[in-house]
Amino acid sequence: MNYLISAYSVNPYKGSEDSIGWNWVLQYEKNYKKGDRIILLTKKFNEKDTRRGLKEFNIQHVELVIVDVPNALNWFREKHSAFHHMYYILWQHWAWLWVKHSEIRFDVIHHVTMNDYRIPSEMYKAKGAEVIWGPMGGAQVTPKPLKVYEKNQLAAAFREFVNKSCSWNPFYRNAIKQYKAIYCINKETQIQIEKIVGKSVELLPELALREEYRNIDYFKRNNQTCKIVFVGRLIGKKGIAFLVDALSYMPNDLSWELDIYGDGADRESIEKKIENSVVANHIKLLGNRPLNQISEAYKTADIFVLPSLRETSGNVLLEAMAYAVPIVAFDTSFSSMLKEHDCGIFIDTNQNIEEIKRDFCCALTRLIKDAGLRERLGLNGKDFANANLTWEQKFKHIYMRDETK
């Protein structure tokens, strides 16, 4: 069997999308059978780290193929976020050209990253191949009451227009109907894709516990001051501005602090927002930290917050759950599933903005005051993640070769 892993983002030493790409590589390696040929197709940007990882993790059965857009077009390069999606579209095309001219008859092509449903890969054109896409997402939008926190209202409106256009764009509709299987990360994307393809599409979270987060020993926190933690990029859609406003409703007699890990384009405006707030003395901006320091943050955290206006899923949620940290977030996307399993407190966004702020604050207050509730919700999350969200299960769910195939 010839397998192609199409992974625009893959890096064993990074989190988020890069980590997802890398963990698919590990799964295909673990499930290798004699006679298989497995090719990883990715971009040049992470080549050095990817080659290092293949050696360090003793990946013996995965061949690395690097595809990049022509140098003349590299001004679309990924590091400039304004051109990120254009660069991705260009890379997708050159990745397909490599497959087309490779003279390799692939049995399975699995497009694993990026998982943006608006930009389908061209791999569906491969003759004779079973082409799998996902899990992927992107149809989630900012709830109407939270739109006041969108940094760029015009860009947000354009994004929603593009989402809607997928339903009537004939080229898009034809492309995704060619896939053997599509898996959706969240219900918002599942609903959108099912309307387009006219049949059921499976819901499957993109997230799974990395090996180092599996079955971590549980220990009780003994913080005199309740520690609330946020991990993520400091950009508008992560909802830090909302969080600062919501925290202004916290009772004065509570002892708490918020540690914010991460950096990003909006750091300066967030710093000013915090400085001008009534809770400035409770909040620390700690910047980017290496993964081992982030792990220490989870170990000492009492509560994890993710106030993202729209989140495809959120790897940080899974990391917090691995350390049995209860979550406070909006009842949207991946968090809707976590709500079903009682992993935290998830805020209804179908109410006015002031009610959302108060409910967010009330959730934090309730957890700060009730250590037993924090422990129960945290352990629920830990148990659910270890039992149901592993890379082995994801691989088997999407594709597990059996002896009759």
Protein backbone atom coordinates (compact mmCIF):
# COMPACT_ATOMS: atom_id res chain seq x y z
CA MET A 1 0.00 0.00 0.00
CA ASN A 2 1.25 3.47 -0.89
CA TYR A 3 0.29 6.20 1.59
CA LEU A 4 0.70 9.95 1.29
CA ILE A 5 0.46 12.22 4.34
CA SER A 6 -0.23 15.73 3.09
CA ALA A 7 0.84 17.93 5.99
CA TYR A 8 1.39 21.61 5.30
CA SER A 9 2.20 22.04 9.01
CA VAL A 10 4.37 19.47 10.75
CA ASN A 11 6.98 19.94 13.47
CA PRO A 12 7.78 17.61 16.40
CA TYR A 13 8.99 20.50 18.55
CA LYS A 14 5.99 22.81 18.30
CA GLY A 15 2.37 22.71 19.38
CA SER A 16 -0.91 23.52 17.64
CA GLU A 17 -1.20 22.65 13.92
CA ASP A 18 2.46 21.56 13.69
CA SER A 19 1.93 19.08 16.50
CA ILE A 20 -1.15 17.66 14.81
CA GLY A 21 0.80 17.04 11.60
CA TRP A 22 3.62 15.37 13.52
CA ASN A 23 1.34 13.08 15.50
CA TRP A 24 -0.20 11.78 12.30
CA VAL A 25 3.32 10.91 11.15
CA LEU A 26 3.86 8.96 14.38
CA GLN A 27 0.63 7.03 13.88
CA TYR A 28 1.42 6.01 10.33
CA GLU A 29 4.86 4.90 11.49
CA LYS A 30 3.40 2.84 14.36
CA ASN A 31 0.90 1.18 12.03
CA TYR A 32 3.38 0.40 9.27
CA LYS A 33 3.08 -3.02 7.65
CA LYS A 34 5.72 -4.76 5.58
CA GLY A 35 5.47 -3.64 1.98
CA ASP A 36 3.91 -0.28 2.79
CA ARG A 37 5.37 2.92 1.42
CA ILE A 38 4.62 6.07 3.43
CA ILE A 39 5.50 9.53 2.13
CA LEU A 40 5.24 12.74 4.14
CA LEU A 41 4.70 15.74 1.89
CA THR A 42 5.30 19.09 3.59
CA LYS A 43 6.69 22.58 3.05
CA LYS A 44 10.26 23.81 3.38
CA PHE A 45 9.56 26.11 6.34
CA ASN A 46 9.93 23.34 8.98
CA GLU A 47 12.28 21.06 7.04
CA LYS A 48 15.20 21.27 9.48
CA ASP A 49 13.10 20.40 12.55
CA THR A 50 11.19 17.70 10.69
CA ARG A 51 14.36 15.93 9.56
CA ARG A 52 15.75 16.18 13.07
CA GLY A 53 12.54 14.70 14.48
CA LEU A 54 12.53 11.79 12.04
CA LYS A 55 15.98 10.83 13.31
CA GLU A 56 15.40 11.56 16.99
CA PHE A 57 12.14 9.58 17.13
CA ASN A 58 13.53 6.77 14.99
CA ILE A 59 10.98 7.12 12.20
CA GLN A 60 12.20 4.45 9.80
CA HIS A 61 9.32 4.00 7.38
CA VAL A 62 8.30 7.54 6.47
CA GLU A 63 9.96 9.23 3.50
CA LEU A 64 10.16 13.01 3.60
CA VAL A 65 9.36 15.00 0.46
CA ILE A 66 9.67 18.79 0.57
CA VAL A 67 7.54 20.87 -1.78
CA ASP A 68 7.73 24.64 -1.95
CA VAL A 69 6.28 27.32 -4.16
CA PRO A 70 8.64 28.92 -6.71
CA ASN A 71 11.08 31.39 -5.21
CA ALA A 72 9.53 34.18 -7.24
CA LEU A 73 6.31 33.71 -5.27
CA ASN A 74 7.88 33.40 -1.84
CA TRP A 75 6.84 36.92 -0.92
CA PHE A 76 3.59 35.18 0.08
CA ARG A 77 5.65 33.38 2.71
CA GLU A 78 3.90 32.15 5.80
CA LYS A 79 5.56 34.46 8.30
CA HIS A 80 3.52 37.39 6.98
CA SER A 81 0.07 36.54 8.30
CA ALA A 82 -1.72 38.79 5.80
CA PHE A 83 -0.57 36.43 3.02
CA HIS A 84 -0.81 33.21 4.99
CA HIS A 85 -3.86 31.79 3.27
CA MET A 86 -2.62 32.83 -0.17
CA TYR A 87 0.67 31.06 0.51
CA TYR A 88 -1.25 27.98 1.65
CA ILE A 89 -3.34 27.93 -1.53
CA LEU A 90 -0.19 28.20 -3.62
CA TRP A 91 1.48 25.40 -1.65
CA GLN A 92 -1.55 23.18 -2.09
CA HIS A 93 -1.26 23.54 -5.85
CA TRP A 94 2.44 22.71 -5.96
CA ALA A 95 1.89 19.77 -3.62
CA TRP A 96 -0.67 18.41 -6.07
CA LEU A 97 1.72 18.96 -9.00
CA TRP A 98 4.31 16.83 -7.21
CA VAL A 99 1.77 14.03 -6.74
CA LYS A 100 0.62 14.32 -10.35
CA HIS A 101 4.15 14.02 -11.73
CA SER A 102 5.54 11.56 -9.17
CA GLU A 103 4.38 8.49 -11.13
CA ILE A 104 3.47 6.91 -7.78
CA ARG A 105 0.07 5.25 -7.59
CA PHE A 106 -1.12 6.16 -4.12
CA ASP A 107 -3.72 3.93 -2.50
CA VAL A 108 -4.48 6.41 0.30
CA ILE A 109 -3.90 10.16 0.46
CA HIS A 110 -4.64 11.73 3.82
CA HIS A 111 -4.68 15.53 3.99
CA VAL A 112 -4.12 16.30 7.67
CA THR A 113 -3.12 19.99 7.87
CA MET A 114 -4.04 22.75 7.56
CA ASN A 115 -7.54 21.83 8.54
CA ASP A 116 -9.36 24.83 7.03
CA TYR A 117 -12.51 23.58 5.33
CA ARG A 118 -12.65 26.62 3.03
CA ILE A 119 -9.49 25.58 1.20
CA PRO A 120 -9.79 22.00 -0.05
CA SER A 121 -6.67 20.25 -1.24
CA GLU A 122 -6.40 19.33 -4.90
CA MET A 123 -5.51 15.77 -3.93
CA TYR A 124 -9.01 14.60 -4.84
CA LYS A 125 -7.77 14.62 -8.45
CA ALA A 126 -5.47 11.65 -7.81
CA LYS A 127 -6.78 8.73 -9.85
CA GLY A 128 -7.36 5.49 -7.98
CA ALA A 129 -6.54 6.93 -4.55
CA GLU A 130 -8.83 6.95 -1.54
CA VAL A 131 -8.51 10.58 -0.49
CA ILE A 132 -9.27 11.47 3.14
CA TRP A 133 -9.61 15.01 4.45
CA GLY A 134 -9.49 15.92 8.07
CA PRO A 135 -10.49 16.26 10.72
CA MET A 136 -11.04 19.84 9.62
CA GLY A 137 -12.99 22.86 10.78
CA GLY A 138 -13.45 26.57 10.21
CA ALA A 139 -17.20 27.10 9.92
CA GLN A 140 -17.47 28.41 13.46
CA VAL A 141 -18.18 32.15 13.72
CA THR A 142 -18.08 34.65 16.54
CA PRO A 143 -21.39 34.65 18.45
CA LYS A 144 -23.31 37.84 17.71
CA PRO A 145 -23.04 39.37 21.23
CA LEU A 146 -19.23 38.92 21.18
CA LYS A 147 -18.72 40.62 17.83
CA VAL A 148 -18.02 43.88 19.66
CA TYR A 149 -14.66 42.34 20.56
CA GLU A 150 -13.70 41.56 16.97
CA LYS A 151 -10.64 43.69 16.28
CA ASN A 152 -11.36 43.99 12.56
CA GLN A 153 -15.08 43.98 11.90
CA LEU A 154 -14.61 44.15 8.13
CA ALA A 155 -12.29 41.13 8.07
CA ALA A 156 -14.69 39.18 10.29
CA ALA A 157 -17.60 40.00 7.99
CA PHE A 158 -15.57 38.94 4.94
CA ARG A 159 -14.67 35.65 6.65
CA GLU A 160 -18.34 34.91 7.26
CA PHE A 161 -19.14 35.77 3.64
CA VAL A 162 -16.47 33.30 2.47
CA ASN A 163 -17.95 30.65 4.77
CA LYS A 164 -21.40 31.14 3.25
CA SER A 165 -20.02 31.18 -0.28
CA CYS A 166 -18.80 27.60 0.13
CA SER A 167 -22.42 26.47 0.02
CA TRP A 168 -23.01 27.78 -3.51
CA ASN A 169 -19.52 27.82 -5.07
CA PRO A 170 -19.74 25.08 -7.77
CA PHE A 171 -15.97 24.48 -7.86
CA TYR A 172 -15.83 24.01 -4.10
CA ARG A 173 -18.89 21.78 -4.03
CA ASN A 174 -17.49 19.57 -6.78
CA ALA A 175 -14.11 19.29 -5.04
CA ILE A 176 -15.29 18.13 -1.65
CA LYS A 177 -17.77 15.68 -3.15
CA GLN A 178 -14.80 13.79 -4.61
CA TYR A 179 -13.32 12.85 -1.24
CA LYS A 180 -13.75 9.30 -0.02
CA ALA A 181 -14.13 10.54 3.56
CA ILE A 182 -14.36 13.90 5.31
CA TYR A 183 -14.12 14.34 9.06
CA CYS A 184 -15.24 17.52 10.82
CA ILE A 185 -13.78 18.90 14.03
CA ASN A 186 -16.87 20.66 15.32
CA LYS A 187 -20.63 20.67 14.84
CA GLU A 188 -20.61 24.04 13.08
CA THR A 189 -18.41 22.65 10.31
CA GLN A 190 -20.24 19.31 10.24
CA ILE A 191 -23.57 21.04 9.59
CA GLN A 192 -22.09 23.16 6.80
CA ILE A 193 -20.39 20.24 5.03
CA GLU A 194 -23.40 17.93 5.32
CA LYS A 195 -25.56 20.53 3.55
CA ILE A 196 -23.06 20.71 0.70
CA VAL A 197 -22.37 17.00 0.15
CA GLY A 198 -25.94 15.92 0.90
CA LYS A 199 -25.01 13.09 3.24
CA SER A 200 -23.83 12.45 6.79
CA VAL A 201 -20.28 13.45 7.67
CA GLU A 202 -18.54 12.17 10.77
CA LEU A 203 -17.70 14.38 13.71
CA LEU A 204 -14.20 13.75 15.03
CA PRO A 205 -12.13 16.16 17.16
CA GLU A 206 -8.73 17.01 15.71
CA LEU A 207 -7.32 16.92 19.22
CA ALA A 208 -5.65 14.03 20.98
CA LEU A 209 -3.28 13.75 23.90
CA ARG A 210 0.38 13.85 23.00
CA GLU A 211 2.35 11.02 24.55
CA GLU A 212 3.92 13.21 27.24
CA TYR A 213 0.45 14.26 28.42
CA ARG A 214 -0.92 10.73 28.86
CA ASN A 215 -1.93 9.54 32.33
CA ILE A 216 -0.12 12.26 34.27
CA ASP A 217 -0.19 11.68 38.03
CA TYR A 218 -2.83 13.79 39.75
CA PHE A 219 -1.90 15.97 42.68
CA LYS A 220 -3.89 18.54 44.63
CA ARG A 221 -2.97 22.18 44.33
CA ASN A 222 -2.18 24.10 47.50
CA ASN A 223 -2.19 27.65 46.18
CA GLN A 224 -3.13 30.27 48.75
CA THR A 225 -4.09 32.53 45.86
CA CYS A 226 -6.25 30.83 43.22
CA LYS A 227 -4.25 30.64 40.02
CA ILE A 228 -6.12 31.14 36.74
CA VAL A 229 -4.12 30.38 33.57
CA PHE A 230 -4.48 31.31 29.90
CA VAL A 231 -2.17 29.94 27.18
CA GLY A 232 -2.38 31.19 23.61
CA ARG A 233 -1.53 33.87 21.10
CA LEU A 234 -2.22 37.47 22.04
CA ILE A 235 -4.49 38.27 19.13
CA GLY A 236 -8.00 39.70 19.01
CA LYS A 237 -9.93 36.50 18.42
CA LYS A 238 -8.53 34.90 21.58
CA GLY A 239 -10.81 37.16 23.61
CA ILE A 240 -8.36 38.60 26.15
CA ALA A 241 -10.11 41.98 25.99
CA PHE A 242 -13.39 40.27 26.86
CA LEU A 243 -11.72 38.38 29.71
CA VAL A 244 -10.31 41.56 31.27
CA ASP A 245 -13.75 43.19 31.13
CA ALA A 246 -15.41 40.10 32.63
CA LEU A 247 -12.89 39.99 35.47
CA SER A 248 -13.92 43.50 36.49
CA TYR A 249 -17.04 41.87 37.97
CA MET A 250 -15.01 39.70 40.37
CA PRO A 251 -15.87 40.17 44.07
CA ASN A 252 -13.30 42.23 45.97
CA ASP A 253 -12.92 39.67 48.75
CA LEU A 254 -11.59 36.88 46.49
CA SER A 255 -7.88 36.03 46.26
CA TRP A 256 -6.92 35.22 42.67
CA GLU A 257 -4.41 35.92 39.92
CA LEU A 258 -4.43 35.43 36.14
CA ASP A 259 -1.23 34.30 34.41
CA ILE A 260 -1.26 34.87 30.64
CA TYR A 261 1.28 32.87 28.62
CA GLY A 262 1.87 33.77 25.00
CA ASP A 263 2.68 36.62 22.67
CA GLY A 264 1.29 38.09 19.51
CA ALA A 265 0.44 41.09 17.38
CA ASP A 266 -1.96 42.59 19.94
CA ARG A 267 0.30 42.44 22.98
CA GLU A 268 0.68 46.22 23.22
CA SER A 269 -3.06 46.92 23.10
CA ILE A 270 -3.71 44.13 25.61
CA GLU A 271 -1.10 45.59 27.97
CA LYS A 272 -2.87 48.95 27.81
CA LYS A 273 -6.24 47.28 28.33
CA ILE A 274 -4.96 45.59 31.48
CA GLU A 275 -3.21 48.72 32.79
CA ASN A 276 -6.46 50.71 32.51
CA SER A 277 -8.59 48.02 34.15
CA VAL A 278 -9.60 47.70 37.81
CA VAL A 279 -7.99 44.24 37.97
CA ALA A 280 -4.51 45.18 36.71
CA ASN A 281 -2.86 44.05 39.97
CA HIS A 282 -4.28 40.54 39.50
CA ILE A 283 -2.93 39.93 35.97
CA LYS A 284 0.55 38.96 34.76
CA LEU A 285 1.63 38.91 31.10
CA LEU A 286 4.37 36.27 31.02
CA GLY A 287 5.12 36.07 27.30
CA ASN A 288 6.15 33.00 25.32
CA ARG A 289 7.70 30.20 27.33
CA PRO A 290 9.23 26.83 26.36
CA LEU A 291 6.96 23.78 26.56
CA ASN A 292 8.47 22.59 29.86
CA GLN A 293 7.56 25.88 31.54
CA ILE A 294 4.04 25.71 30.11
CA SER A 295 3.75 22.22 31.61
CA GLU A 296 4.72 23.66 34.98
CA ALA A 297 2.01 26.30 34.56
CA TYR A 298 -0.61 23.58 34.07
CA LYS A 299 0.68 21.72 37.14
CA THR A 300 0.12 24.72 39.39
CA ALA A 301 -3.07 26.04 37.76
CA ASP A 302 -6.39 25.90 39.61
CA ILE A 303 -8.51 27.01 36.63
CA PHE A 304 -7.89 27.25 32.89
CA VAL A 305 -9.67 29.91 30.82
CA LEU A 306 -10.18 30.09 27.08
CA PRO A 307 -12.32 33.12 26.16
CA SER A 308 -11.76 32.74 22.38
CA LEU A 309 -14.40 34.46 20.28
CA ARG A 310 -14.22 31.58 17.80
CA GLU A 311 -12.02 28.55 18.25
CA THR A 312 -11.77 25.60 15.89
CA SER A 313 -11.00 23.34 18.86
CA GLY A 314 -8.14 24.45 21.09
CA ASN A 315 -5.16 22.20 21.85
CA VAL A 316 -4.61 24.04 25.11
CA LEU A 317 -7.92 22.72 26.42
CA LEU A 318 -6.68 19.18 26.06
CA GLU A 319 -3.38 20.02 27.73
CA ALA A 320 -5.19 21.56 30.68
CA MET A 321 -7.44 18.50 30.94
CA ALA A 322 -4.38 16.24 31.00
CA TYR A 323 -3.34 18.00 34.22
CA ALA A 324 -6.88 17.82 35.64
CA VAL A 325 -7.44 21.58 35.43
CA PRO A 326 -11.12 22.57 35.16
CA ILE A 327 -12.03 24.80 32.22
CA VAL A 328 -14.06 27.97 31.87
CA ALA A 329 -14.90 28.77 28.23
CA PHE A 330 -17.78 29.52 25.90
CA ASP A 331 -20.24 26.76 25.00
CA THR A 332 -19.14 26.61 21.37
CA SER A 333 -17.16 24.30 19.05
CA PHE A 334 -15.05 21.65 20.86
CA SER A 335 -16.12 23.05 24.23
CA SER A 336 -19.69 21.89 23.55
CA MET A 337 -18.42 18.31 23.69
CA LEU A 338 -16.52 18.99 26.91
CA LYS A 339 -19.68 20.40 28.45
CA GLU A 340 -21.43 17.09 27.77
CA HIS A 341 -18.73 15.34 29.82
CA ASP A 342 -18.72 17.86 32.69
CA CYS A 343 -15.10 18.98 32.24
CA GLY A 344 -15.67 22.56 33.32
CA ILE A 345 -18.16 25.41 33.18
CA PHE A 346 -19.16 26.60 29.70
CA ILE A 347 -20.92 29.89 29.18
CA ASP A 348 -24.06 30.30 27.06
CA THR A 349 -23.44 32.94 24.37
CA ASN A 350 -27.12 33.29 23.45
CA GLN A 351 -27.62 36.29 25.74
CA ASN A 352 -26.51 39.89 25.82
CA ILE A 353 -22.87 40.78 26.32
CA GLU A 354 -23.21 42.00 29.91
CA GLU A 355 -24.92 38.74 30.90
CA ILE A 356 -22.12 36.77 29.23
CA LYS A 357 -19.50 38.73 31.20
CA ARG A 358 -21.34 38.20 34.48
CA ASP A 359 -21.81 34.47 33.81
CA PHE A 360 -18.11 34.11 32.98
CA CYS A 361 -17.22 35.91 36.20
CA CYS A 362 -19.73 33.84 38.21
CA ALA A 363 -18.21 30.62 36.84
CA LEU A 364 -14.75 31.71 37.96
CA THR A 365 -16.05 32.83 41.34
CA ARG A 366 -17.83 29.54 41.88
CA LEU A 367 -14.68 27.55 41.12
CA ILE A 368 -12.46 29.78 43.24
CA LYS A 369 -14.73 29.24 46.23
CA ASP A 370 -15.26 25.51 45.76
CA ALA A 371 -12.08 23.42 45.72
CA GLY A 372 -14.13 20.22 45.62
CA LEU A 373 -15.88 21.32 42.44
CA ARG A 374 -12.54 22.22 40.86
CA GLU A 375 -11.22 18.76 41.66
CA ARG A 376 -14.30 16.95 40.36
CA LEU A 377 -14.47 18.84 37.06
CA GLY A 378 -10.72 18.60 36.59
CA LEU A 379 -10.68 14.83 37.10
CA ASN A 380 -13.66 14.46 34.75
CA GLY A 381 -11.62 16.18 32.05
CA LYS A 382 -8.51 14.12 32.73
CA ASP A 383 -10.45 10.84 32.63
CA PHE A 384 -12.35 11.78 29.47
CA ALA A 385 -9.19 12.83 27.61
CA ASN A 386 -7.22 9.72 28.53
CA ALA A 387 -10.09 7.37 27.72
CA ASN A 388 -11.43 8.96 24.54
CA LEU A 389 -8.96 11.40 23.01
CA THR A 390 -5.83 9.49 22.03
CA TRP A 391 -3.98 9.43 18.73
CA GLU A 392 -4.31 5.66 18.52
CA GLN A 393 -8.09 5.93 18.67
CA LYS A 394 -8.12 8.68 16.06
CA PHE A 395 -6.04 6.64 13.65
CA LYS A 396 -8.24 3.58 14.09
CA HIS A 397 -11.38 5.65 13.67
CA ILE A 398 -10.26 7.25 10.42
CA TYR A 399 -8.47 4.31 8.90
CA MET A 400 -7.29 1.01 10.27
CA ARG A 401 -6.16 -1.59 7.81
CA ASP A 402 -7.50 -5.05 8.53
CA GLU A 403 -6.32 -8.39 7.30
CA THR A 404 -9.09 -8.69 4.72
CA LYS A 405 -8.29 -5.45 2.93
